[in-house]
Amino acid sequence: GAFLMGMVCCNNDPATIHSNTNHKDIISWTDQTMPIFTTCFNTKMPLLDHVITTTCSRIAFYSKDENMVKNVKFSALFHAFVTKYGTDIKRLNMVGTLVNTSEELKTFMK
């Protein structure tokens, strides 16, 4: 979970998390990194609530990027996250955020 937290959470976006170790791991969401996130999500490793809510916020943030909403890797990441962490997403009241996001995706099967 801590590894994924460092990967998912980044400076200069509305969903920044600062770790307890006073360092910031910054990995941008790109064509090269999104498959790594997707693989991590598919393992359904236990994630802290704030990592799940931050991931929801990052997905919503990137869904406003015209290039990202056309990106198959972004849609795959979205699908893996929702299918593996759906119960947690619901418990944390983040479903509405992701429903709105899914409507923006151009490569997501509806």
PDB file of N, CA and C in Angstrom:
ATOM      1  N   GLY A   1       0.807  -1.186   0.000  1.00  0.00           N
ATOM      2  CA  GLY A   1       0.000   0.000   0.000  1.00  0.00           C
ATOM      3  C   GLY A   1       0.856   1.257   0.000  1.00  0.00           C
ATOM      4  N   ALA A   2       1.934   1.285   0.781  1.00  0.00           N
ATOM      5  CA  ALA A   2       2.769   2.483   0.851  1.00  0.00           C
ATOM      6  C   ALA A   2       3.445   2.750  -0.492  1.00  0.00           C
ATOM      7  N   PHE A   3       3.867   1.686  -1.175  1.00  0.00           N
ATOM      8  CA  PHE A   3       4.485   1.835  -2.486  1.00  0.00           C
ATOM      9  C   PHE A   3       3.505   2.486  -3.457  1.00  0.00           C
ATOM     10  N   LEU A   4       2.274   1.977  -3.463  1.00  0.00           N
ATOM     11  CA  LEU A   4       1.267   2.513  -4.361  1.00  0.00           C
ATOM     12  C   LEU A   4       0.910   3.940  -3.963  1.00  0.00           C
ATOM     13  N   MET A   5       0.885   4.242  -2.676  1.00  0.00           N
ATOM     14  CA  MET A   5       0.593   5.597  -2.247  1.00  0.00           C
ATOM     15  C   MET A   5       1.601   6.570  -2.857  1.00  0.00           C
ATOM     16  N   GLY A   6       2.848   6.209  -2.842  1.00  0.00           N
ATOM     17  CA  GLY A   6       3.869   7.058  -3.428  1.00  0.00           C
ATOM     18  C   GLY A   6       3.712   7.211  -4.917  1.00  0.00           C
ATOM     19  N   MET A   7       3.221   6.184  -5.579  1.00  0.00           N
ATOM     20  CA  MET A   7       3.037   6.235  -7.013  1.00  0.00           C
ATOM     21  C   MET A   7       1.815   7.038  -7.408  1.00  0.00           C
ATOM     22  N   VAL A   8       0.751   6.872  -6.655  1.00  0.00           N
ATOM     23  CA  VAL A   8      -0.514   7.491  -7.007  1.00  0.00           C
ATOM     24  C   VAL A   8      -0.537   8.961  -6.632  1.00  0.00           C
ATOM     25  N   CYS A   9       0.131   9.322  -5.567  1.00  0.00           N
ATOM     26  CA  CYS A   9       0.044  10.664  -5.017  1.00  0.00           C
ATOM     27  C   CYS A   9       1.209  11.506  -5.509  1.00  0.00           C
ATOM     28  N   CYS A  10       0.908  12.706  -5.903  1.00  0.00           N
ATOM     29  CA  CYS A  10       1.902  13.530  -6.579  1.00  0.00           C
ATOM     30  C   CYS A  10       1.718  14.994  -6.237  1.00  0.00           C
ATOM     31  N   ASN A  11       2.804  15.750  -6.286  1.00  0.00           N
ATOM     32  CA  ASN A  11       2.724  17.207  -6.108  1.00  0.00           C
ATOM     33  C   ASN A  11       2.033  17.845  -7.298  1.00  0.00           C
ATOM     34  N   ASN A  12       1.650  19.081  -7.111  1.00  0.00           N
ATOM     35  CA  ASN A  12       1.075  19.907  -8.168  1.00  0.00           C
ATOM     36  C   ASN A  12      -0.216  19.351  -8.740  1.00  0.00           C
ATOM     37  N   ASP A  13      -0.980  18.683  -7.939  1.00  0.00           N
ATOM     38  CA  ASP A  13      -2.328  18.325  -8.365  1.00  0.00           C
ATOM     39  C   ASP A  13      -3.213  18.333  -7.132  1.00  0.00           C
ATOM     40  N   PRO A  14      -4.519  18.379  -7.310  1.00  0.00           N
ATOM     41  CA  PRO A  14      -5.403  18.573  -6.163  1.00  0.00           C
ATOM     42  C   PRO A  14      -5.438  17.409  -5.191  1.00  0.00           C
ATOM     43  N   ALA A  15      -4.779  16.323  -5.510  1.00  0.00           N
ATOM     44  CA  ALA A  15      -4.851  15.139  -4.658  1.00  0.00           C
ATOM     45  C   ALA A  15      -3.485  14.780  -4.083  1.00  0.00           C
ATOM     46  N   THR A  16      -2.769  15.758  -3.583  1.00  0.00           N
ATOM     47  CA  THR A  16      -1.420  15.518  -3.059  1.00  0.00           C
ATOM     48  C   THR A  16      -1.482  14.891  -1.675  1.00  0.00           C
ATOM     49  N   ILE A  17      -0.622  13.918  -1.458  1.00  0.00           N
ATOM     50  CA  ILE A  17      -0.459  13.326  -0.130  1.00  0.00           C
ATOM     51  C   ILE A  17       0.994  13.470   0.261  1.00  0.00           C
ATOM     52  N   HIS A  18       1.220  13.846   1.497  1.00  0.00           N
ATOM     53  CA  HIS A  18       2.569  13.919   2.032  1.00  0.00           C
ATOM     54  C   HIS A  18       2.737  12.733   2.976  1.00  0.00           C
ATOM     55  N   SER A  19       3.775  11.969   2.763  1.00  0.00           N
ATOM     56  CA  SER A  19       3.985  10.782   3.595  1.00  0.00           C
ATOM     57  C   SER A  19       4.493  11.172   4.971  1.00  0.00           C
ATOM     58  N   ASN A  20       4.376  10.251   5.906  1.00  0.00           N
ATOM     59  CA  ASN A  20       4.840  10.492   7.272  1.00  0.00           C
ATOM     60  C   ASN A  20       6.359  10.536   7.371  1.00  0.00           C
ATOM     61  N   THR A  21       7.056  10.180   6.318  1.00  0.00           N
ATOM     62  CA  THR A  21       8.519  10.160   6.356  1.00  0.00           C
ATOM     63  C   THR A  21       9.111  11.470   5.853  1.00  0.00           C
ATOM     64  N   ASN A  22       8.261  12.472   5.661  1.00  0.00           N
ATOM     65  CA  ASN A  22       8.689  13.801   5.227  1.00  0.00           C
ATOM     66  C   ASN A  22       9.377  13.818   3.866  1.00  0.00           C
ATOM     67  N   HIS A  23       9.054  12.866   3.023  1.00  0.00           N
ATOM     68  CA  HIS A  23       9.528  12.939   1.647  1.00  0.00           C
ATOM     69  C   HIS A  23       8.330  12.744   0.738  1.00  0.00           C
ATOM     70  N   LYS A  24       8.475  13.172  -0.481  1.00  0.00           N
ATOM     71  CA  LYS A  24       7.385  13.066  -1.434  1.00  0.00           C
ATOM     72  C   LYS A  24       7.843  12.210  -2.598  1.00  0.00           C
ATOM     73  N   ASP A  25       7.126  11.165  -2.847  1.00  0.00           N
ATOM     74  CA  ASP A  25       7.393  10.343  -4.018  1.00  0.00           C
ATOM     75  C   ASP A  25       6.534  10.893  -5.143  1.00  0.00           C
ATOM     76  N   ILE A  26       7.152  11.221  -6.237  1.00  0.00           N
ATOM     77  CA  ILE A  26       6.408  11.832  -7.326  1.00  0.00           C
ATOM     78  C   ILE A  26       6.590  10.990  -8.580  1.00  0.00           C
ATOM     79  N   ILE A  27       5.520  10.405  -9.017  1.00  0.00           N
ATOM     80  CA  ILE A  27       5.517   9.668 -10.278  1.00  0.00           C
ATOM     81  C   ILE A  27       4.310  10.155 -11.061  1.00  0.00           C
ATOM     82  N   SER A  28       4.544  10.713 -12.217  1.00  0.00           N
ATOM     83  CA  SER A  28       3.466  11.223 -13.052  1.00  0.00           C
ATOM     84  C   SER A  28       2.670  10.070 -13.651  1.00  0.00           C
ATOM     85  N   TRP A  29       1.427  10.340 -13.944  1.00  0.00           N
ATOM     86  CA  TRP A  29       0.593   9.360 -14.626  1.00  0.00           C
ATOM     87  C   TRP A  29       0.843   9.516 -16.124  1.00  0.00           C
ATOM     88  N   THR A  30       1.536   8.530 -16.686  1.00  0.00           N
ATOM     89  CA  THR A  30       1.905   8.562 -18.103  1.00  0.00           C
ATOM     90  C   THR A  30       1.589   7.209 -18.732  1.00  0.00           C
ATOM     91  N   ASP A  31       1.807   7.110 -20.033  1.00  0.00           N
ATOM     92  CA  ASP A  31       1.624   5.825 -20.717  1.00  0.00           C
ATOM     93  C   ASP A  31       2.535   4.747 -20.152  1.00  0.00           C
ATOM     94  N   GLN A  32       3.667   5.149 -19.603  1.00  0.00           N
ATOM     95  CA  GLN A  32       4.607   4.177 -19.049  1.00  0.00           C
ATOM     96  C   GLN A  32       4.238   3.774 -17.612  1.00  0.00           C
ATOM     97  N   THR A  33       3.680   4.682 -16.835  1.00  0.00           N
ATOM     98  CA  THR A  33       3.401   4.378 -15.428  1.00  0.00           C
ATOM     99  C   THR A  33       1.998   3.831 -15.184  1.00  0.00           C
ATOM    100  N   MET A  34       1.032   4.210 -16.014  1.00  0.00           N
ATOM    101  CA  MET A  34      -0.340   3.739 -15.765  1.00  0.00           C
ATOM    102  C   MET A  34      -0.475   2.219 -15.781  1.00  0.00           C
ATOM    103  N   PRO A  35       0.222   1.488 -16.647  1.00  0.00           N
ATOM    104  CA  PRO A  35       0.134   0.022 -16.561  1.00  0.00           C
ATOM    105  C   PRO A  35       0.661  -0.529 -15.222  1.00  0.00           C
ATOM    106  N   ILE A  36       1.627   0.153 -14.634  1.00  0.00           N
ATOM    107  CA  ILE A  36       2.132  -0.272 -13.322  1.00  0.00           C
ATOM    108  C   ILE A  36       1.044  -0.086 -12.271  1.00  0.00           C
ATOM    109  N   PHE A  37       0.378   1.085 -12.293  1.00  0.00           N
ATOM    110  CA  PHE A  37      -0.719   1.314 -11.348  1.00  0.00           C
ATOM    111  C   PHE A  37      -1.806   0.262 -11.544  1.00  0.00           C
ATOM    112  N   THR A  38      -2.135  -0.002 -12.802  1.00  0.00           N
ATOM    113  CA  THR A  38      -3.190  -0.971 -13.114  1.00  0.00           C
ATOM    114  C   THR A  38      -2.837  -2.346 -12.563  1.00  0.00           C
ATOM    115  N   THR A  39      -1.595  -2.762 -12.732  1.00  0.00           N
ATOM    116  CA  THR A  39      -1.151  -4.051 -12.189  1.00  0.00           C
ATOM    117  C   THR A  39      -1.271  -4.072 -10.678  1.00  0.00           C
ATOM    118  N   CYS A  40      -0.866  -2.994 -10.037  1.00  0.00           N
ATOM    119  CA  CYS A  40      -0.992  -2.913  -8.572  1.00  0.00           C
ATOM    120  C   CYS A  40      -2.455  -3.003  -8.144  1.00  0.00           C
ATOM    121  N   PHE A  41      -3.321  -2.275  -8.822  1.00  0.00           N
ATOM    122  CA  PHE A  41      -4.747  -2.330  -8.473  1.00  0.00           C
ATOM    123  C   PHE A  41      -5.294  -3.738  -8.666  1.00  0.00           C
ATOM    124  N   ASN A  42      -4.873  -4.412  -9.737  1.00  0.00           N
ATOM    125  CA  ASN A  42      -5.374  -5.758 -10.008  1.00  0.00           C
ATOM    126  C   ASN A  42      -4.968  -6.773  -8.943  1.00  0.00           C
ATOM    127  N   THR A  43      -3.918  -6.490  -8.184  1.00  0.00           N
ATOM    128  CA  THR A  43      -3.539  -7.394  -7.094  1.00  0.00           C
ATOM    129  C   THR A  43      -4.423  -7.199  -5.867  1.00  0.00           C
ATOM    130  N   LYS A  44      -5.193  -6.118  -5.868  1.00  0.00           N
ATOM    131  CA  LYS A  44      -6.092  -5.745  -4.763  1.00  0.00           C
ATOM    132  C   LYS A  44      -5.364  -5.720  -3.421  1.00  0.00           C
ATOM    133  N   MET A  45      -4.192  -5.114  -3.434  1.00  0.00           N
ATOM    134  CA  MET A  45      -3.466  -4.954  -2.177  1.00  0.00           C
ATOM    135  C   MET A  45      -4.285  -4.039  -1.259  1.00  0.00           C
ATOM    136  N   PRO A  46      -4.186  -4.245   0.040  1.00  0.00           N
ATOM    137  CA  PRO A  46      -4.916  -3.371   0.962  1.00  0.00           C
ATOM    138  C   PRO A  46      -4.409  -1.929   0.836  1.00  0.00           C
ATOM    139  N   LEU A  47      -5.343  -1.003   0.700  1.00  0.00           N
ATOM    140  CA  LEU A  47      -4.985   0.409   0.598  1.00  0.00           C
ATOM    141  C   LEU A  47      -5.660   1.197   1.715  1.00  0.00           C
ATOM    142  N   LEU A  48      -4.954   2.171   2.225  1.00  0.00           N
ATOM    143  CA  LEU A  48      -5.530   3.061   3.228  1.00  0.00           C
ATOM    144  C   LEU A  48      -6.640   3.883   2.579  1.00  0.00           C
ATOM    145  N   ASP A  49      -7.604   4.287   3.394  1.00  0.00           N
ATOM    146  CA  ASP A  49      -8.734   5.058   2.870  1.00  0.00           C
ATOM    147  C   ASP A  49      -8.288   6.305   2.122  1.00  0.00           C
ATOM    148  N   HIS A  50      -7.302   7.020   2.652  1.00  0.00           N
ATOM    149  CA  HIS A  50      -6.891   8.251   1.981  1.00  0.00           C
ATOM    150  C   HIS A  50      -6.203   7.974   0.647  1.00  0.00           C
ATOM    151  N   VAL A  51      -5.628   6.811   0.476  1.00  0.00           N
ATOM    152  CA  VAL A  51      -5.049   6.466  -0.826  1.00  0.00           C
ATOM    153  C   VAL A  51      -6.176   6.211  -1.829  1.00  0.00           C
ATOM    154  N   ILE A  52      -7.228   5.565  -1.373  1.00  0.00           N
ATOM    155  CA  ILE A  52      -8.373   5.309  -2.260  1.00  0.00           C
ATOM    156  C   ILE A  52      -9.049   6.614  -2.650  1.00  0.00           C
ATOM    157  N   THR A  53      -9.286   7.496  -1.685  1.00  0.00           N
ATOM    158  CA  THR A  53      -9.938   8.771  -2.021  1.00  0.00           C
ATOM    159  C   THR A  53      -9.026   9.637  -2.893  1.00  0.00           C
ATOM    160  N   THR A  54      -7.733   9.586  -2.642  1.00  0.00           N
ATOM    161  CA  THR A  54      -6.788  10.344  -3.469  1.00  0.00           C
ATOM    162  C   THR A  54      -6.786   9.804  -4.891  1.00  0.00           C
ATOM    163  N   THR A  55      -6.825   8.499  -5.037  1.00  0.00           N
ATOM    164  CA  THR A  55      -6.856   7.904  -6.372  1.00  0.00           C
ATOM    165  C   THR A  55      -8.126   8.318  -7.105  1.00  0.00           C
ATOM    166  N   CYS A  56      -9.252   8.315  -6.401  1.00  0.00           N
ATOM    167  CA  CYS A  56     -10.506   8.784  -7.010  1.00  0.00           C
ATOM    168  C   CYS A  56     -10.367  10.232  -7.473  1.00  0.00           C
ATOM    169  N   SER A  57      -9.752  11.066  -6.646  1.00  0.00           N
ATOM    170  CA  SER A  57      -9.557  12.475  -6.998  1.00  0.00           C
ATOM    171  C   SER A  57      -8.629  12.633  -8.191  1.00  0.00           C
ATOM    172  N   ARG A  58      -7.578  11.827  -8.232  1.00  0.00           N
ATOM    173  CA  ARG A  58      -6.646  11.895  -9.372  1.00  0.00           C
ATOM    174  C   ARG A  58      -7.339  11.457 -10.655  1.00  0.00           C
ATOM    175  N   ILE A  59      -8.135  10.401 -10.570  1.00  0.00           N
ATOM    176  CA  ILE A  59      -8.867   9.944 -11.751  1.00  0.00           C
ATOM    177  C   ILE A  59      -9.799  11.052 -12.234  1.00  0.00           C
ATOM    178  N   ALA A  60     -10.513  11.675 -11.309  1.00  0.00           N
ATOM    179  CA  ALA A  60     -11.421  12.767 -11.673  1.00  0.00           C
ATOM    180  C   ALA A  60     -10.634  13.940 -12.282  1.00  0.00           C
ATOM    181  N   PHE A  61      -9.490  14.251 -11.694  1.00  0.00           N
ATOM    182  CA  PHE A  61      -8.647  15.334 -12.191  1.00  0.00           C
ATOM    183  C   PHE A  61      -8.211  15.057 -13.625  1.00  0.00           C
ATOM    184  N   TYR A  62      -7.709  13.863 -13.875  1.00  0.00           N
ATOM    185  CA  TYR A  62      -7.227  13.524 -15.208  1.00  0.00           C
ATOM    186  C   TYR A  62      -8.356  13.347 -16.220  1.00  0.00           C
ATOM    187  N   SER A  63      -9.564  13.115 -15.765  1.00  0.00           N
ATOM    188  CA  SER A  63     -10.683  12.949 -16.694  1.00  0.00           C
ATOM    189  C   SER A  63     -11.044  14.266 -17.381  1.00  0.00           C
ATOM    190  N   LYS A  64     -10.469  15.359 -16.919  1.00  0.00           N
ATOM    191  CA  LYS A  64     -10.683  16.658 -17.555  1.00  0.00           C
ATOM    192  C   LYS A  64      -9.644  16.935 -18.652  1.00  0.00           C
ATOM    193  N   ASP A  65      -8.683  16.032 -18.802  1.00  0.00           N
ATOM    194  CA  ASP A  65      -7.630  16.161 -19.811  1.00  0.00           C
ATOM    195  C   ASP A  65      -8.085  15.437 -21.080  1.00  0.00           C
ATOM    196  N   GLU A  66      -8.227  16.182 -22.152  1.00  0.00           N
ATOM    197  CA  GLU A  66      -8.756  15.621 -23.406  1.00  0.00           C
ATOM    198  C   GLU A  66      -7.927  14.452 -23.930  1.00  0.00           C
ATOM    199  N   ASN A  67      -6.611  14.491 -23.748  1.00  0.00           N
ATOM    200  CA  ASN A  67      -5.767  13.378 -24.194  1.00  0.00           C
ATOM    201  C   ASN A  67      -5.936  12.162 -23.296  1.00  0.00           C
ATOM    202  N   MET A  68      -6.083  12.402 -22.004  1.00  0.00           N
ATOM    203  CA  MET A  68      -6.196  11.284 -21.063  1.00  0.00           C
ATOM    204  C   MET A  68      -7.510  10.520 -21.257  1.00  0.00           C
ATOM    205  N   VAL A  69      -8.605  11.223 -21.521  1.00  0.00           N
ATOM    206  CA  VAL A  69      -9.895  10.529 -21.658  1.00  0.00           C
ATOM    207  C   VAL A  69      -9.956   9.666 -22.909  1.00  0.00           C
ATOM    208  N   LYS A  70      -9.031   9.872 -23.836  1.00  0.00           N
ATOM    209  CA  LYS A  70      -8.946   9.032 -25.038  1.00  0.00           C
ATOM    210  C   LYS A  70      -7.932   7.907 -24.884  1.00  0.00           C
ATOM    211  N   ASN A  71      -7.275   7.853 -23.745  1.00  0.00           N
ATOM    212  CA  ASN A  71      -6.168   6.924 -23.519  1.00  0.00           C
ATOM    213  C   ASN A  71      -6.685   5.578 -22.995  1.00  0.00           C
ATOM    214  N   VAL A  72      -6.418   4.524 -23.732  1.00  0.00           N
ATOM    215  CA  VAL A  72      -6.859   3.181 -23.344  1.00  0.00           C
ATOM    216  C   VAL A  72      -6.230   2.769 -22.005  1.00  0.00           C
ATOM    217  N   LYS A  73      -5.001   3.162 -21.757  1.00  0.00           N
ATOM    218  CA  LYS A  73      -4.329   2.799 -20.506  1.00  0.00           C
ATOM    219  C   LYS A  73      -4.995   3.474 -19.310  1.00  0.00           C
ATOM    220  N   PHE A  74      -5.459   4.693 -19.490  1.00  0.00           N
ATOM    221  CA  PHE A  74      -6.183   5.379 -18.429  1.00  0.00           C
ATOM    222  C   PHE A  74      -7.513   4.671 -18.154  1.00  0.00           C
ATOM    223  N   SER A  75      -8.198   4.266 -19.200  1.00  0.00           N
ATOM    224  CA  SER A  75      -9.453   3.527 -19.026  1.00  0.00           C
ATOM    225  C   SER A  75      -9.222   2.181 -18.351  1.00  0.00           C
ATOM    226  N   ALA A  76      -8.130   1.513 -18.699  1.00  0.00           N
ATOM    227  CA  ALA A  76      -7.802   0.229 -18.059  1.00  0.00           C
ATOM    228  C   ALA A  76      -7.520   0.433 -16.574  1.00  0.00           C
ATOM    229  N   LEU A  77      -6.787   1.495 -16.246  1.00  0.00           N
ATOM    230  CA  LEU A  77      -6.510   1.827 -14.847  1.00  0.00           C
ATOM    231  C   LEU A  77      -7.819   2.078 -14.107  1.00  0.00           C
ATOM    232  N   PHE A  78      -8.680   2.877 -14.703  1.00  0.00           N
ATOM    233  CA  PHE A  78      -9.983   3.191 -14.115  1.00  0.00           C
ATOM    234  C   PHE A  78     -10.766   1.901 -13.849  1.00  0.00           C
ATOM    235  N   HIS A  79     -10.841   1.046 -14.849  1.00  0.00           N
ATOM    236  CA  HIS A  79     -11.602  -0.197 -14.725  1.00  0.00           C
ATOM    237  C   HIS A  79     -11.028  -1.087 -13.624  1.00  0.00           C
ATOM    238  N   ALA A  80      -9.717  -1.247 -13.590  1.00  0.00           N
ATOM    239  CA  ALA A  80      -9.085  -2.083 -12.557  1.00  0.00           C
ATOM    240  C   ALA A  80      -9.368  -1.521 -11.166  1.00  0.00           C
ATOM    241  N   PHE A  81      -9.241  -0.223 -11.016  1.00  0.00           N
ATOM    242  CA  PHE A  81      -9.458   0.409  -9.715  1.00  0.00           C
ATOM    243  C   PHE A  81     -10.900   0.213  -9.247  1.00  0.00           C
ATOM    244  N   VAL A  82     -11.851   0.466 -10.122  1.00  0.00           N
ATOM    245  CA  VAL A  82     -13.265   0.363  -9.743  1.00  0.00           C
ATOM    246  C   VAL A  82     -13.664  -1.083  -9.451  1.00  0.00           C
ATOM    247  N   THR A  83     -13.182  -2.017 -10.259  1.00  0.00           N
ATOM    248  CA  THR A  83     -13.585  -3.410 -10.031  1.00  0.00           C
ATOM    249  C   THR A  83     -12.943  -3.999  -8.779  1.00  0.00           C
ATOM    250  N   LYS A  84     -11.727  -3.596  -8.465  1.00  0.00           N
ATOM    251  CA  LYS A  84     -11.044  -4.172  -7.302  1.00  0.00           C
ATOM    252  C   LYS A  84     -11.366  -3.448  -5.992  1.00  0.00           C
ATOM    253  N   TYR A  85     -11.669  -2.159  -6.068  1.00  0.00           N
ATOM    254  CA  TYR A  85     -11.881  -1.379  -4.844  1.00  0.00           C
ATOM    255  C   TYR A  85     -13.285  -0.783  -4.761  1.00  0.00           C
ATOM    256  N   GLY A  86     -14.214  -1.330  -5.530  1.00  0.00           N
ATOM    257  CA  GLY A  86     -15.578  -0.810  -5.571  1.00  0.00           C
ATOM    258  C   GLY A  86     -16.251  -0.727  -4.213  1.00  0.00           C
ATOM    259  N   THR A  87     -16.086  -1.738  -3.387  1.00  0.00           N
ATOM    260  CA  THR A  87     -16.693  -1.729  -2.053  1.00  0.00           C
ATOM    261  C   THR A  87     -16.143  -0.578  -1.222  1.00  0.00           C
ATOM    262  N   ASP A  88     -14.838  -0.374  -1.287  1.00  0.00           N
ATOM    263  CA  ASP A  88     -14.219   0.725  -0.541  1.00  0.00           C
ATOM    264  C   ASP A  88     -14.634   2.082  -1.109  1.00  0.00           C
ATOM    265  N   ILE A  89     -14.707   2.178  -2.422  1.00  0.00           N
ATOM    266  CA  ILE A  89     -15.123   3.423  -3.071  1.00  0.00           C
ATOM    267  C   ILE A  89     -16.531   3.796  -2.615  1.00  0.00           C
ATOM    268  N   LYS A  90     -17.396   2.810  -2.555  1.00  0.00           N
ATOM    269  CA  LYS A  90     -18.772   3.060  -2.097  1.00  0.00           C
ATOM    270  C   LYS A  90     -18.774   3.488  -0.629  1.00  0.00           C
ATOM    271  N   ARG A  91     -18.040   2.777   0.199  1.00  0.00           N
ATOM    272  CA  ARG A  91     -17.985   3.086   1.634  1.00  0.00           C
ATOM    273  C   ARG A  91     -17.467   4.492   1.882  1.00  0.00           C
ATOM    274  N   LEU A  92     -16.569   4.961   1.032  1.00  0.00           N
ATOM    275  CA  LEU A  92     -15.963   6.286   1.186  1.00  0.00           C
ATOM    276  C   LEU A  92     -16.738   7.381   0.436  1.00  0.00           C
ATOM    277  N   ASN A  93     -17.911   7.020  -0.073  1.00  0.00           N
ATOM    278  CA  ASN A  93     -18.796   7.977  -0.760  1.00  0.00           C
ATOM    279  C   ASN A  93     -18.141   8.651  -1.966  1.00  0.00           C
ATOM    280  N   MET A  94     -17.398   7.879  -2.733  1.00  0.00           N
ATOM    281  CA  MET A  94     -16.710   8.415  -3.911  1.00  0.00           C
ATOM    282  C   MET A  94     -17.327   7.920  -5.229  1.00  0.00           C
ATOM    283  N   VAL A  95     -18.439   7.200  -5.132  1.00  0.00           N
ATOM    284  CA  VAL A  95     -19.058   6.634  -6.333  1.00  0.00           C
ATOM    285  C   VAL A  95     -19.464   7.732  -7.306  1.00  0.00           C
ATOM    286  N   GLY A  96     -20.100   8.781  -6.804  1.00  0.00           N
ATOM    287  CA  GLY A  96     -20.554   9.866  -7.672  1.00  0.00           C
ATOM    288  C   GLY A  96     -19.420  10.477  -8.472  1.00  0.00           C
ATOM    289  N   THR A  97     -18.279  10.656  -7.823  1.00  0.00           N
ATOM    290  CA  THR A  97     -17.104  11.213  -8.493  1.00  0.00           C
ATOM    291  C   THR A  97     -16.697  10.340  -9.669  1.00  0.00           C
ATOM    292  N   LEU A  98     -16.693   9.030  -9.452  1.00  0.00           N
ATOM    293  CA  LEU A  98     -16.240   8.127 -10.516  1.00  0.00           C
ATOM    294  C   LEU A  98     -17.298   7.909 -11.587  1.00  0.00           C
ATOM    295  N   VAL A  99     -18.564   7.996 -11.231  1.00  0.00           N
ATOM    296  CA  VAL A  99     -19.617   7.897 -12.251  1.00  0.00           C
ATOM    297  C   VAL A  99     -19.490   9.069 -13.216  1.00  0.00           C
ATOM    298  N   ASN A 100     -19.305  10.266 -12.663  1.00  0.00           N
ATOM    299  CA  ASN A 100     -19.117  11.438 -13.522  1.00  0.00           C
ATOM    300  C   ASN A 100     -17.889  11.280 -14.401  1.00  0.00           C
ATOM    301  N   THR A 101     -16.837  10.737 -13.841  1.00  0.00           N
ATOM    302  CA  THR A 101     -15.599  10.524 -14.582  1.00  0.00           C
ATOM    303  C   THR A 101     -15.806   9.528 -15.712  1.00  0.00           C
ATOM    304  N   SER A 102     -16.513   8.450 -15.436  1.00  0.00           N
ATOM    305  CA  SER A 102     -16.706   7.415 -16.460  1.00  0.00           C
ATOM    306  C   SER A 102     -17.439   7.964 -17.673  1.00  0.00           C
ATOM    307  N   GLU A 103     -18.287   8.956 -17.457  1.00  0.00           N
ATOM    308  CA  GLU A 103     -19.015   9.560 -18.576  1.00  0.00           C
ATOM    309  C   GLU A 103     -18.100  10.368 -19.482  1.00  0.00           C
ATOM    310  N   GLU A 104     -16.940  10.771 -18.983  1.00  0.00           N
ATOM    311  CA  GLU A 104     -15.976  11.545 -19.771  1.00  0.00           C
ATOM    312  C   GLU A 104     -15.060  10.673 -20.626  1.00  0.00           C
ATOM    313  N   LEU A 105     -14.890   9.417 -20.224  1.00  0.00           N
ATOM    314  CA  LEU A 105     -13.942   8.542 -20.929  1.00  0.00           C
ATOM    315  C   LEU A 105     -14.430   8.215 -22.335  1.00  0.00           C
ATOM    316  N   LYS A 106     -13.524   8.323 -23.280  1.00  0.00           N
ATOM    317  CA  LYS A 106     -13.869   8.060 -24.689  1.00  0.00           C
ATOM    318  C   LYS A 106     -13.579   6.624 -25.087  1.00  0.00           C
ATOM    319  N   THR A 107     -12.798   5.902 -24.302  1.00  0.00           N
ATOM    320  CA  THR A 107     -12.421   4.528 -24.671  1.00  0.00           C
ATOM    321  C   THR A 107     -13.066   3.505 -23.770  1.00  0.00           C
ATOM    322  N   PHE A 108     -13.868   3.945 -22.817  1.00  0.00           N
ATOM    323  CA  PHE A 108     -14.482   3.045 -21.838  1.00  0.00           C
ATOM    324  C   PHE A 108     -15.773   2.506 -22.408  1.00  0.00           C
ATOM    325  N   MET A 109     -15.936   1.195 -22.357  1.00  0.00           N
ATOM    326  CA  MET A 109     -17.159   0.580 -22.894  1.00  0.00           C
ATOM    327  C   MET A 109     -18.324   0.923 -21.966  1.00  0.00           C
ATOM    328  N   LYS A 110     -19.369   1.478 -22.529  1.00  0.00           N
ATOM    329  CA  LYS A 110     -20.531   1.897 -21.731  1.00  0.00           C
ATOM    330  C   LYS A 110     -21.717   1.009 -21.996  1.00  0.00           C
TER     331      LYS A 110
END
